[in-house]
């Protein structure tokens, strides 16, 4: 699997991403041809530069000055009328919609009413579309990023002076782990935040993979004490054929003073908050005290709220957490028609074998309670309905 890691230790912007992609090996001509298909008065040039002694590529967009702003609908029409490949066009549309949703939330407007200011200008359109074209040429299968530094201080925008991170950037970064930074500058722009939050599936300092190539994209400023660059790292993982690899976080704590009812409630709360799985195991603790080991499997972005539930519901004094890799079979969520209505389930794709269907327990238990039939009969009937195009009669 090809993994692209955003090592944004100095933040991220659209032009930094564009330069890093060319440094990584995306042909400049591919990006330039994609932008030419928009039929707008702009183009981008790529120039080798140095930031604090490190070689990088800087993207410089050349565009006419404009005195009007665009709505999301205007930008969508530009992209839909273009000759962009469908994959690149759709990715650019997703990034622009992320931006529009963030601006709408900040200004209390409907998405279609939002005026794009800076991000609706030609240079920002070039950044986003160029990045989409470059990523579709590179074709990573997974995206990761380190926690994001935003910088400090103030920045002047279309609505005057605002604190860093700007309101739109902060809205985009909801749920994203941020990194501390004392640099008095806007390290992460709204465009950079939109690119990250549209793509990234895991937030980690560095994923477990084999490095294939590295690219450096230069920011417009040259800081005296650090290289103002975005580093993109392209790598591969070696999961078995037909198996997906992902990084998850494991949370653990053991308790000896919680009732079974409270543990059951805690487990329900953890699942409701997005836990992948929750395990309760009897253990013997210090001085042979009997207790329970609680193990929670979680997506990295959910660690904070799951940890809060453990502290709140168990009164534990500490929670351990660590990252680990896991391999899993691909699966799809599907519905099966049965004599009693639709039943949800998972269709697991097994390499070198037919798919496996697993009915959703809660749906089957609900049907068993409603019909008075044994649960095992419901499970067998639902499985038969998956195998047969027409459900058996009840």
Foldseek 3Di string as FASTA:
>chain_A
DKEKEWAQPLADDLQLLLFQLVQQPQPQVQLQVQLVQLVAAKGKDWDWDDFLRDIAITIDMDHDDDDAWDALVVLLVSLVNGPHDPQLSVQLNQLVQLLLVLQCVVVVHDSRPDTDDVCRDPVNSSSSSSSSSSCVVVPGPAYEYAAGEFEFAWDQDPVGIDTPPRSSLVSLCVLTHHDYDHHHDGSYHNSNSSNCSSGHDAHDNDDPFAWDGKHWGADPDHDPPDGSIIIMTMGDDDDPPQKDKDKKKKKKDKAQPADPVLVVVLQVVLVVLPWPDWDWDWDQDPPRRIIIMIMTIGGPSSVVVNVVSCCVSRVTPDMDMDMDMDIGHDKDWDWFQEQVGIWIWIWGDDPPDHTDTDTDLVRLVVVCVVVVNDSVVSRVQRRVRVVDVDGDHD
